[in-house]
Amino acid sequence: MDLAESVKEQLRSLSANQRALILASIETQLTHEPFRETRNRKALRPNPLAPWELRVGDLRAFYDLAPDDPNVIRILAVGEKRGSRLFIAGKEVQL
C-alpha cells in the first residue's frame, strides 16, 4: 500500500475518527483482491482522479496500481461524500 503525497494532506482535513476508519478500511479491504468489485469497492467511469473507489460510509478512497510496481496499490485521493457532492481536503471535486 502506498499513499500519494497529496493524500497525507487530505487525511489531515478529516477528523481523527474518520482518519482511523478510512485507513483501517484501506488496510483490510484492499489487501486481498482490490480490483474485484464488491458492495464497497467499484470501478469508476473514466475520470481524472482514479479508476477505483472504496466506500466507507460517507468516506471515499480512490486508488489504482502503482505505476512503478504492479504489486502495490496506490491511494490517489481520500475524501468525503456529502449527498451527491464529493469533497477532498475541504474542496468540492467533480468526477
PDB file of N, CA and C in Angstrom:
ATOM      1  N   MET A   1       0.845  -1.162   0.000  1.00  0.00           N
ATOM      2  CA  MET A   1       0.000   0.000   0.000  1.00  0.00           C
ATOM      3  C   MET A   1       0.898   1.234   0.000  1.00  0.00           C
ATOM      4  N   ASP A   2       0.520   2.205  -0.796  1.00  0.00           N
ATOM      5  CA  ASP A   2       1.317   3.419  -0.930  1.00  0.00           C
ATOM      6  C   ASP A   2       0.367   4.608  -0.984  1.00  0.00           C
ATOM      7  N   LEU A   3       0.646   5.636  -0.206  1.00  0.00           N
ATOM      8  CA  LEU A   3      -0.171   6.847  -0.217  1.00  0.00           C
ATOM      9  C   LEU A   3       0.513   7.913  -1.055  1.00  0.00           C
ATOM     10  N   ALA A   4      -0.239   8.510  -1.968  1.00  0.00           N
ATOM     11  CA  ALA A   4       0.284   9.650  -2.721  1.00  0.00           C
ATOM     12  C   ALA A   4       0.559  10.781  -1.731  1.00  0.00           C
ATOM     13  N   GLU A   5       1.503  11.627  -2.043  1.00  0.00           N
ATOM     14  CA  GLU A   5       1.865  12.736  -1.146  1.00  0.00           C
ATOM     15  C   GLU A   5       0.653  13.607  -0.827  1.00  0.00           C
ATOM     16  N   SER A   6      -0.211  13.844  -1.801  1.00  0.00           N
ATOM     17  CA  SER A   6      -1.393  14.685  -1.586  1.00  0.00           C
ATOM     18  C   SER A   6      -2.377  14.049  -0.606  1.00  0.00           C
ATOM     19  N   VAL A   7      -2.377  12.725  -0.494  1.00  0.00           N
ATOM     20  CA  VAL A   7      -3.307  12.036   0.400  1.00  0.00           C
ATOM     21  C   VAL A   7      -2.990  12.361   1.857  1.00  0.00           C
ATOM     22  N   LYS A   8      -1.741  12.530   2.177  1.00  0.00           N
ATOM     23  CA  LYS A   8      -1.367  12.861   3.559  1.00  0.00           C
ATOM     24  C   LYS A   8      -2.011  14.182   3.989  1.00  0.00           C
ATOM     25  N   GLU A   9      -2.034  15.152   3.094  1.00  0.00           N
ATOM     26  CA  GLU A   9      -2.693  16.429   3.383  1.00  0.00           C
ATOM     27  C   GLU A   9      -4.209  16.245   3.451  1.00  0.00           C
ATOM     28  N   GLN A  10      -4.754  15.452   2.559  1.00  0.00           N
ATOM     29  CA  GLN A  10      -6.195  15.204   2.554  1.00  0.00           C
ATOM     30  C   GLN A  10      -6.638  14.521   3.840  1.00  0.00           C
ATOM     31  N   LEU A  11      -5.833  13.609   4.356  1.00  0.00           N
ATOM     32  CA  LEU A  11      -6.166  12.929   5.610  1.00  0.00           C
ATOM     33  C   LEU A  11      -6.204  13.910   6.778  1.00  0.00           C
ATOM     34  N   ARG A  12      -5.356  14.919   6.751  1.00  0.00           N
ATOM     35  CA  ARG A  12      -5.347  15.922   7.822  1.00  0.00           C
ATOM     36  C   ARG A  12      -6.645  16.725   7.862  1.00  0.00           C
ATOM     37  N   SER A  13      -7.346  16.817   6.747  1.00  0.00           N
ATOM     38  CA  SER A  13      -8.600  17.571   6.718  1.00  0.00           C
ATOM     39  C   SER A  13      -9.762  16.773   7.318  1.00  0.00           C
ATOM     40  N   LEU A  14      -9.549  15.483   7.592  1.00  0.00           N
ATOM     41  CA  LEU A  14     -10.574  14.641   8.208  1.00  0.00           C
ATOM     42  C   LEU A  14     -10.389  14.630   9.720  1.00  0.00           C
ATOM     43  N   SER A  15     -11.455  14.268  10.438  1.00  0.00           N
ATOM     44  CA  SER A  15     -11.329  14.131  11.891  1.00  0.00           C
ATOM     45  C   SER A  15     -10.482  12.898  12.203  1.00  0.00           C
ATOM     46  N   ALA A  16      -9.991  12.803  13.423  1.00  0.00           N
ATOM     47  CA  ALA A  16      -9.165  11.657  13.824  1.00  0.00           C
ATOM     48  C   ALA A  16      -9.948  10.358  13.673  1.00  0.00           C
ATOM     49  N   ASN A  17     -11.222  10.383  14.013  1.00  0.00           N
ATOM     50  CA  ASN A  17     -12.067   9.192  13.885  1.00  0.00           C
ATOM     51  C   ASN A  17     -12.213   8.786  12.417  1.00  0.00           C
ATOM     52  N   GLN A  18     -12.453   9.761  11.546  1.00  0.00           N
ATOM     53  CA  GLN A  18     -12.576   9.477  10.114  1.00  0.00           C
ATOM     54  C   GLN A  18     -11.267   8.940   9.544  1.00  0.00           C
ATOM     55  N   ARG A  19     -10.146   9.530   9.956  1.00  0.00           N
ATOM     56  CA  ARG A  19      -8.826   9.058   9.501  1.00  0.00           C
ATOM     57  C   ARG A  19      -8.611   7.604   9.882  1.00  0.00           C
ATOM     58  N   ALA A  20      -8.879   7.277  11.138  1.00  0.00           N
ATOM     59  CA  ALA A  20      -8.683   5.906  11.616  1.00  0.00           C
ATOM     60  C   ALA A  20      -9.581   4.946  10.853  1.00  0.00           C
ATOM     61  N   LEU A  21     -10.820   5.340  10.616  1.00  0.00           N
ATOM     62  CA  LEU A  21     -11.776   4.486   9.914  1.00  0.00           C
ATOM     63  C   LEU A  21     -11.348   4.225   8.471  1.00  0.00           C
ATOM     64  N   ILE A  22     -10.985   5.260   7.743  1.00  0.00           N
ATOM     65  CA  ILE A  22     -10.625   5.073   6.334  1.00  0.00           C
ATOM     66  C   ILE A  22      -9.311   4.310   6.202  1.00  0.00           C
ATOM     67  N   LEU A  23      -8.335   4.584   7.061  1.00  0.00           N
ATOM     68  CA  LEU A  23      -7.056   3.869   6.974  1.00  0.00           C
ATOM     69  C   LEU A  23      -7.213   2.391   7.330  1.00  0.00           C
ATOM     70  N   ALA A  24      -8.035   2.088   8.329  1.00  0.00           N
ATOM     71  CA  ALA A  24      -8.282   0.686   8.689  1.00  0.00           C
ATOM     72  C   ALA A  24      -9.003  -0.034   7.553  1.00  0.00           C
ATOM     73  N   SER A  25      -9.962   0.637   6.934  1.00  0.00           N
ATOM     74  CA  SER A  25     -10.702   0.025   5.821  1.00  0.00           C
ATOM     75  C   SER A  25      -9.817  -0.179   4.606  1.00  0.00           C
ATOM     76  N   ILE A  26      -8.945   0.762   4.328  1.00  0.00           N
ATOM     77  CA  ILE A  26      -7.999   0.602   3.220  1.00  0.00           C
ATOM     78  C   ILE A  26      -7.155  -0.636   3.462  1.00  0.00           C
ATOM     79  N   GLU A  27      -6.654  -0.768   4.669  1.00  0.00           N
ATOM     80  CA  GLU A  27      -5.789  -1.904   5.006  1.00  0.00           C
ATOM     81  C   GLU A  27      -6.532  -3.237   4.894  1.00  0.00           C
ATOM     82  N   THR A  28      -7.754  -3.306   5.404  1.00  0.00           N
ATOM     83  CA  THR A  28      -8.472  -4.584   5.394  1.00  0.00           C
ATOM     84  C   THR A  28      -9.095  -4.905   4.040  1.00  0.00           C
ATOM     85  N   GLN A  29      -9.649  -3.909   3.364  1.00  0.00           N
ATOM     86  CA  GLN A  29     -10.402  -4.193   2.145  1.00  0.00           C
ATOM     87  C   GLN A  29      -9.562  -4.219   0.878  1.00  0.00           C
ATOM     88  N   LEU A  30      -8.394  -3.603   0.893  1.00  0.00           N
ATOM     89  CA  LEU A  30      -7.610  -3.551  -0.343  1.00  0.00           C
ATOM     90  C   LEU A  30      -6.401  -4.480  -0.346  1.00  0.00           C
ATOM     91  N   THR A  31      -6.209  -5.252   0.713  1.00  0.00           N
ATOM     92  CA  THR A  31      -5.068  -6.168   0.726  1.00  0.00           C
ATOM     93  C   THR A  31      -5.357  -7.445  -0.044  1.00  0.00           C
ATOM     94  N   HIS A  32      -6.614  -7.828  -0.176  1.00  0.00           N
ATOM     95  CA  HIS A  32      -6.976  -9.058  -0.876  1.00  0.00           C
ATOM     96  C   HIS A  32      -7.914  -8.733  -2.037  1.00  0.00           C
ATOM     97  N   GLU A  33      -7.501  -9.005  -3.246  1.00  0.00           N
ATOM     98  CA  GLU A  33      -8.298  -8.768  -4.464  1.00  0.00           C
ATOM     99  C   GLU A  33      -8.866  -7.343  -4.531  1.00  0.00           C
ATOM    100  N   PRO A  34      -8.022  -6.332  -4.552  1.00  0.00           N
ATOM    101  CA  PRO A  34      -8.508  -4.950  -4.556  1.00  0.00           C
ATOM    102  C   PRO A  34      -9.250  -4.549  -5.829  1.00  0.00           C
ATOM    103  N   PHE A  35      -9.102  -5.327  -6.897  1.00  0.00           N
ATOM    104  CA  PHE A  35      -9.757  -4.974  -8.159  1.00  0.00           C
ATOM    105  C   PHE A  35     -10.942  -5.879  -8.466  1.00  0.00           C
ATOM    106  N   ARG A  36     -11.509  -6.472  -7.434  1.00  0.00           N
ATOM    107  CA  ARG A  36     -12.743  -7.237  -7.570  1.00  0.00           C
ATOM    108  C   ARG A  36     -13.861  -6.372  -6.992  1.00  0.00           C
ATOM    109  N   GLU A  37     -14.902  -6.142  -7.781  1.00  0.00           N
ATOM    110  CA  GLU A  37     -15.991  -5.296  -7.305  1.00  0.00           C
ATOM    111  C   GLU A  37     -16.744  -5.979  -6.177  1.00  0.00           C
ATOM    112  N   THR A  38     -17.058  -5.194  -5.149  1.00  0.00           N
ATOM    113  CA  THR A  38     -17.868  -5.646  -4.026  1.00  0.00           C
ATOM    114  C   THR A  38     -18.870  -4.539  -3.731  1.00  0.00           C
ATOM    115  N   ARG A  39     -19.591  -4.700  -2.634  1.00  0.00           N
ATOM    116  CA  ARG A  39     -20.552  -3.671  -2.263  1.00  0.00           C
ATOM    117  C   ARG A  39     -19.854  -2.339  -1.964  1.00  0.00           C
ATOM    118  N   ASN A  40     -18.627  -2.393  -1.463  1.00  0.00           N
ATOM    119  CA  ASN A  40     -17.914  -1.173  -1.077  1.00  0.00           C
ATOM    120  C   ASN A  40     -16.802  -0.757  -2.030  1.00  0.00           C
ATOM    121  N   ARG A  41     -16.491  -1.591  -3.011  1.00  0.00           N
ATOM    122  CA  ARG A  41     -15.438  -1.270  -3.999  1.00  0.00           C
ATOM    123  C   ARG A  41     -16.058  -1.308  -5.381  1.00  0.00           C
ATOM    124  N   LYS A  42     -15.731  -0.307  -6.181  1.00  0.00           N
ATOM    125  CA  LYS A  42     -16.251  -0.351  -7.550  1.00  0.00           C
ATOM    126  C   LYS A  42     -15.314   0.358  -8.515  1.00  0.00           C
ATOM    127  N   ALA A  43     -15.371  -0.112  -9.739  1.00  0.00           N
ATOM    128  CA  ALA A  43     -14.641   0.547 -10.821  1.00  0.00           C
ATOM    129  C   ALA A  43     -15.442   1.779 -11.223  1.00  0.00           C
ATOM    130  N   LEU A  44     -14.745   2.861 -11.470  1.00  0.00           N
ATOM    131  CA  LEU A  44     -15.403   4.111 -11.844  1.00  0.00           C
ATOM    132  C   LEU A  44     -15.344   4.325 -13.348  1.00  0.00           C
ATOM    133  N   ARG A  45     -16.259   5.140 -13.835  1.00  0.00           N
ATOM    134  CA  ARG A  45     -16.168   5.571 -15.229  1.00  0.00           C
ATOM    135  C   ARG A  45     -14.898   6.394 -15.381  1.00  0.00           C
ATOM    136  N   PRO A  46     -14.367   6.510 -16.589  1.00  0.00           N
ATOM    137  CA  PRO A  46     -13.137   7.301 -16.768  1.00  0.00           C
ATOM    138  C   PRO A  46     -13.279   8.702 -16.161  1.00  0.00           C
ATOM    139  N   ASN A  47     -12.292   9.083 -15.362  1.00  0.00           N
ATOM    140  CA  ASN A  47     -12.293  10.382 -14.696  1.00  0.00           C
ATOM    141  C   ASN A  47     -10.843  10.771 -14.398  1.00  0.00           C
ATOM    142  N   PRO A  48     -10.588  12.030 -14.072  1.00  0.00           N
ATOM    143  CA  PRO A  48      -9.199  12.463 -13.840  1.00  0.00           C
ATOM    144  C   PRO A  48      -8.626  12.042 -12.483  1.00  0.00           C
ATOM    145  N   LEU A  49      -9.443  11.465 -11.608  1.00  0.00           N
ATOM    146  CA  LEU A  49      -8.991  11.168 -10.249  1.00  0.00           C
ATOM    147  C   LEU A  49      -8.386   9.775 -10.109  1.00  0.00           C
ATOM    148  N   ALA A  50      -9.179   8.731 -10.362  1.00  0.00           N
ATOM    149  CA  ALA A  50      -8.707   7.350 -10.191  1.00  0.00           C
ATOM    150  C   ALA A  50      -9.719   6.386 -10.807  1.00  0.00           C
ATOM    151  N   PRO A  51      -9.265   5.195 -11.175  1.00  0.00           N
ATOM    152  CA  PRO A  51     -10.180   4.226 -11.775  1.00  0.00           C
ATOM    153  C   PRO A  51     -10.994   3.407 -10.772  1.00  0.00           C
ATOM    154  N   TRP A  52     -10.600   3.405  -9.489  1.00  0.00           N
ATOM    155  CA  TRP A  52     -11.303   2.603  -8.486  1.00  0.00           C
ATOM    156  C   TRP A  52     -11.646   3.435  -7.255  1.00  0.00           C
ATOM    157  N   GLU A  53     -12.773   3.045  -6.597  1.00  0.00           N
ATOM    158  CA  GLU A  53     -13.241   3.746  -5.403  1.00  0.00           C
ATOM    159  C   GLU A  53     -13.557   2.735  -4.309  1.00  0.00           C
ATOM    160  N   LEU A  54     -13.137   3.048  -3.095  1.00  0.00           N
ATOM    161  CA  LEU A  54     -13.512   2.294  -1.905  1.00  0.00           C
ATOM    162  C   LEU A  54     -14.446   3.184  -1.100  1.00  0.00           C
ATOM    163  N   ARG A  55     -15.630   2.653  -0.768  1.00  0.00           N
ATOM    164  CA  ARG A  55     -16.609   3.416   0.005  1.00  0.00           C
ATOM    165  C   ARG A  55     -16.622   2.923   1.446  1.00  0.00           C
ATOM    166  N   VAL A  56     -16.545   3.853   2.385  1.00  0.00           N
ATOM    167  CA  VAL A  56     -16.608   3.547   3.811  1.00  0.00           C
ATOM    168  C   VAL A  56     -17.546   4.573   4.428  1.00  0.00           C
ATOM    169  N   GLY A  57     -18.827   4.250   4.480  1.00  0.00           N
ATOM    170  CA  GLY A  57     -19.815   5.230   4.929  1.00  0.00           C
ATOM    171  C   GLY A  57     -19.806   6.414   3.979  1.00  0.00           C
ATOM    172  N   ASP A  58     -19.601   7.619   4.526  1.00  0.00           N
ATOM    173  CA  ASP A  58     -19.534   8.835   3.700  1.00  0.00           C
ATOM    174  C   ASP A  58     -18.128   9.103   3.171  1.00  0.00           C
ATOM    175  N   LEU A  59     -17.167   8.296   3.574  1.00  0.00           N
ATOM    176  CA  LEU A  59     -15.781   8.499   3.153  1.00  0.00           C
ATOM    177  C   LEU A  59     -15.481   7.727   1.881  1.00  0.00           C
ATOM    178  N   ARG A  60     -14.545   8.240   1.100  1.00  0.00           N
ATOM    179  CA  ARG A  60     -14.140   7.595  -0.146  1.00  0.00           C
ATOM    180  C   ARG A  60     -12.618   7.586  -0.242  1.00  0.00           C
ATOM    181  N   ALA A  61     -12.092   6.463  -0.737  1.00  0.00           N
ATOM    182  CA  ALA A  61     -10.667   6.366  -1.064  1.00  0.00           C
ATOM    183  C   ALA A  61     -10.593   5.984  -2.530  1.00  0.00           C
ATOM    184  N   PHE A  62      -9.794   6.690  -3.298  1.00  0.00           N
ATOM    185  CA  PHE A  62      -9.650   6.449  -4.728  1.00  0.00           C
ATOM    186  C   PHE A  62      -8.269   5.860  -4.966  1.00  0.00           C
ATOM    187  N   TYR A  63      -8.216   4.779  -5.761  1.00  0.00           N
ATOM    188  CA  TYR A  63      -6.947   4.057  -5.878  1.00  0.00           C
ATOM    189  C   TYR A  63      -6.741   3.421  -7.238  1.00  0.00           C
ATOM    190  N   ASP A  64      -5.499   2.970  -7.451  1.00  0.00           N
ATOM    191  CA  ASP A  64      -5.089   2.268  -8.666  1.00  0.00           C
ATOM    192  C   ASP A  64      -3.790   1.535  -8.348  1.00  0.00           C
ATOM    193  N   LEU A  65      -3.270   0.823  -9.334  1.00  0.00           N
ATOM    194  CA  LEU A  65      -1.958   0.195  -9.178  1.00  0.00           C
ATOM    195  C   LEU A  65      -0.879   1.267  -9.209  1.00  0.00           C
ATOM    196  N   ALA A  66       0.176   1.076  -8.447  1.00  0.00           N
ATOM    197  CA  ALA A  66       1.320   1.984  -8.511  1.00  0.00           C
ATOM    198  C   ALA A  66       1.976   1.811  -9.878  1.00  0.00           C
ATOM    199  N   PRO A  67       2.308   2.894 -10.571  1.00  0.00           N
ATOM    200  CA  PRO A  67       2.863   2.777 -11.926  1.00  0.00           C
ATOM    201  C   PRO A  67       4.212   2.064 -11.980  1.00  0.00           C
ATOM    202  N   ASP A  68       4.985   2.155 -10.908  1.00  0.00           N
ATOM    203  CA  ASP A  68       6.315   1.548 -10.917  1.00  0.00           C
ATOM    204  C   ASP A  68       6.355   0.135 -10.333  1.00  0.00           C
ATOM    205  N   ASP A  69       5.256  -0.333  -9.714  1.00  0.00           N
ATOM    206  CA  ASP A  69       5.221  -1.674  -9.131  1.00  0.00           C
ATOM    207  C   ASP A  69       3.794  -2.211  -9.182  1.00  0.00           C
ATOM    208  N   PRO A  70       3.505  -3.170 -10.061  1.00  0.00           N
ATOM    209  CA  PRO A  70       2.144  -3.677 -10.204  1.00  0.00           C
ATOM    210  C   PRO A  70       1.637  -4.468  -9.001  1.00  0.00           C
ATOM    211  N   ASN A  71       2.470  -4.689  -8.002  1.00  0.00           N
ATOM    212  CA  ASN A  71       2.034  -5.395  -6.799  1.00  0.00           C
ATOM    213  C   ASN A  71       1.654  -4.448  -5.666  1.00  0.00           C
ATOM    214  N   VAL A  72       1.720  -3.150  -5.926  1.00  0.00           N
ATOM    215  CA  VAL A  72       1.440  -2.149  -4.894  1.00  0.00           C
ATOM    216  C   VAL A  72       0.203  -1.347  -5.281  1.00  0.00           C
ATOM    217  N   ILE A  73      -0.713  -1.201  -4.330  1.00  0.00           N
ATOM    218  CA  ILE A  73      -1.897  -0.368  -4.534  1.00  0.00           C
ATOM    219  C   ILE A  73      -1.540   1.051  -4.107  1.00  0.00           C
ATOM    220  N   ARG A  74      -1.838   2.021  -4.964  1.00  0.00           N
ATOM    221  CA  ARG A  74      -1.535   3.427  -4.662  1.00  0.00           C
ATOM    222  C   ARG A  74      -2.838   4.158  -4.384  1.00  0.00           C
ATOM    223  N   ILE A  75      -2.943   4.718  -3.198  1.00  0.00           N
ATOM    224  CA  ILE A  75      -4.101   5.529  -2.831  1.00  0.00           C
ATOM    225  C   ILE A  75      -3.850   6.921  -3.399  1.00  0.00           C
ATOM    226  N   LEU A  76      -4.739   7.359  -4.291  1.00  0.00           N
ATOM    227  CA  LEU A  76      -4.542   8.619  -5.013  1.00  0.00           C
ATOM    228  C   LEU A  76      -5.269   9.802  -4.387  1.00  0.00           C
ATOM    229  N   ALA A  77      -6.376   9.527  -3.687  1.00  0.00           N
ATOM    230  CA  ALA A  77      -7.142  10.604  -3.054  1.00  0.00           C
ATOM    231  C   ALA A  77      -8.055  10.014  -1.988  1.00  0.00           C
ATOM    232  N   VAL A  78      -8.364  10.834  -0.995  1.00  0.00           N
ATOM    233  CA  VAL A  78      -9.290  10.464   0.071  1.00  0.00           C
ATOM    234  C   VAL A  78     -10.208  11.652   0.275  1.00  0.00           C
ATOM    235  N   GLY A  79     -11.512  11.386   0.365  1.00  0.00           N
ATOM    236  CA  GLY A  79     -12.451  12.484   0.536  1.00  0.00           C
ATOM    237  C   GLY A  79     -13.710  12.066   1.250  1.00  0.00           C
ATOM    238  N   GLU A  80     -14.656  12.998   1.300  1.00  0.00           N
ATOM    239  CA  GLU A  80     -15.920  12.776   1.988  1.00  0.00           C
ATOM    240  C   GLU A  80     -17.068  13.098   1.046  1.00  0.00           C
ATOM    241  N   LYS A  81     -18.040  12.219   1.001  1.00  0.00           N
ATOM    242  CA  LYS A  81     -19.223  12.412   0.165  1.00  0.00           C
ATOM    243  C   LYS A  81     -20.306  13.049   1.028  1.00  0.00           C
ATOM    244  N   ARG A  82     -20.867  14.137   0.567  1.00  0.00           N
ATOM    245  CA  ARG A  82     -21.975  14.808   1.251  1.00  0.00           C
ATOM    246  C   ARG A  82     -23.115  14.915   0.257  1.00  0.00           C
ATOM    247  N   GLY A  83     -24.081  14.036   0.399  1.00  0.00           N
ATOM    248  CA  GLY A  83     -25.158  13.958  -0.583  1.00  0.00           C
ATOM    249  C   GLY A  83     -24.580  13.475  -1.895  1.00  0.00           C
ATOM    250  N   SER A  84     -24.757  14.248  -2.953  1.00  0.00           N
ATOM    251  CA  SER A  84     -24.209  13.857  -4.257  1.00  0.00           C
ATOM    252  C   SER A  84     -22.898  14.587  -4.560  1.00  0.00           C
ATOM    253  N   ARG A  85     -22.350  15.284  -3.572  1.00  0.00           N
ATOM    254  CA  ARG A  85     -21.134  16.075  -3.783  1.00  0.00           C
ATOM    255  C   ARG A  85     -19.947  15.421  -3.084  1.00  0.00           C
ATOM    256  N   LEU A  86     -18.779  15.486  -3.709  1.00  0.00           N
ATOM    257  CA  LEU A  86     -17.551  14.928  -3.157  1.00  0.00           C
ATOM    258  C   LEU A  86     -16.614  16.061  -2.757  1.00  0.00           C
ATOM    259  N   PHE A  87     -16.089  15.976  -1.521  1.00  0.00           N
ATOM    260  CA  PHE A  87     -15.150  16.974  -1.021  1.00  0.00           C
ATOM    261  C   PHE A  87     -13.824  16.301  -0.705  1.00  0.00           C
ATOM    262  N   ILE A  88     -12.756  16.826  -1.268  1.00  0.00           N
ATOM    263  CA  ILE A  88     -11.409  16.340  -0.999  1.00  0.00           C
ATOM    264  C   ILE A  88     -10.624  17.510  -0.425  1.00  0.00           C
ATOM    265  N   ALA A  89     -10.104  17.329   0.780  1.00  0.00           N
ATOM    266  CA  ALA A  89      -9.380  18.391   1.503  1.00  0.00           C
ATOM    267  C   ALA A  89     -10.238  19.652   1.622  1.00  0.00           C
ATOM    268  N   GLY A  90     -11.545  19.465   1.843  1.00  0.00           N
ATOM    269  CA  GLY A  90     -12.451  20.585   2.039  1.00  0.00           C
ATOM    270  C   GLY A  90     -12.929  21.276   0.781  1.00  0.00           C
ATOM    271  N   LYS A  91     -12.468  20.842  -0.389  1.00  0.00           N
ATOM    272  CA  LYS A  91     -12.871  21.468  -1.655  1.00  0.00           C
ATOM    273  C   LYS A  91     -13.718  20.499  -2.463  1.00  0.00           C
ATOM    274  N   GLU A  92     -14.777  21.035  -3.067  1.00  0.00           N
ATOM    275  CA  GLU A  92     -15.646  20.188  -3.887  1.00  0.00           C
ATOM    276  C   GLU A  92     -14.922  19.776  -5.165  1.00  0.00           C
ATOM    277  N   VAL A  93     -15.068  18.496  -5.511  1.00  0.00           N
ATOM    278  CA  VAL A  93     -14.416  17.926  -6.690  1.00  0.00           C
ATOM    279  C   VAL A  93     -15.481  17.273  -7.561  1.00  0.00           C
ATOM    280  N   GLN A  94     -15.388  17.476  -8.858  1.00  0.00           N
ATOM    281  CA  GLN A  94     -16.298  16.836  -9.810  1.00  0.00           C
ATOM    282  C   GLN A  94     -15.635  15.592 -10.380  1.00  0.00           C
ATOM    283  N   LEU A  95     -16.367  14.498 -10.393  1.00  0.00           N
ATOM    284  CA  LEU A  95     -15.844  13.275 -11.018  1.00  0.00           C
ATOM    285  C   LEU A  95     -16.424  13.100 -12.390  1.00  0.00           C
TER     286      LEU A  95
END
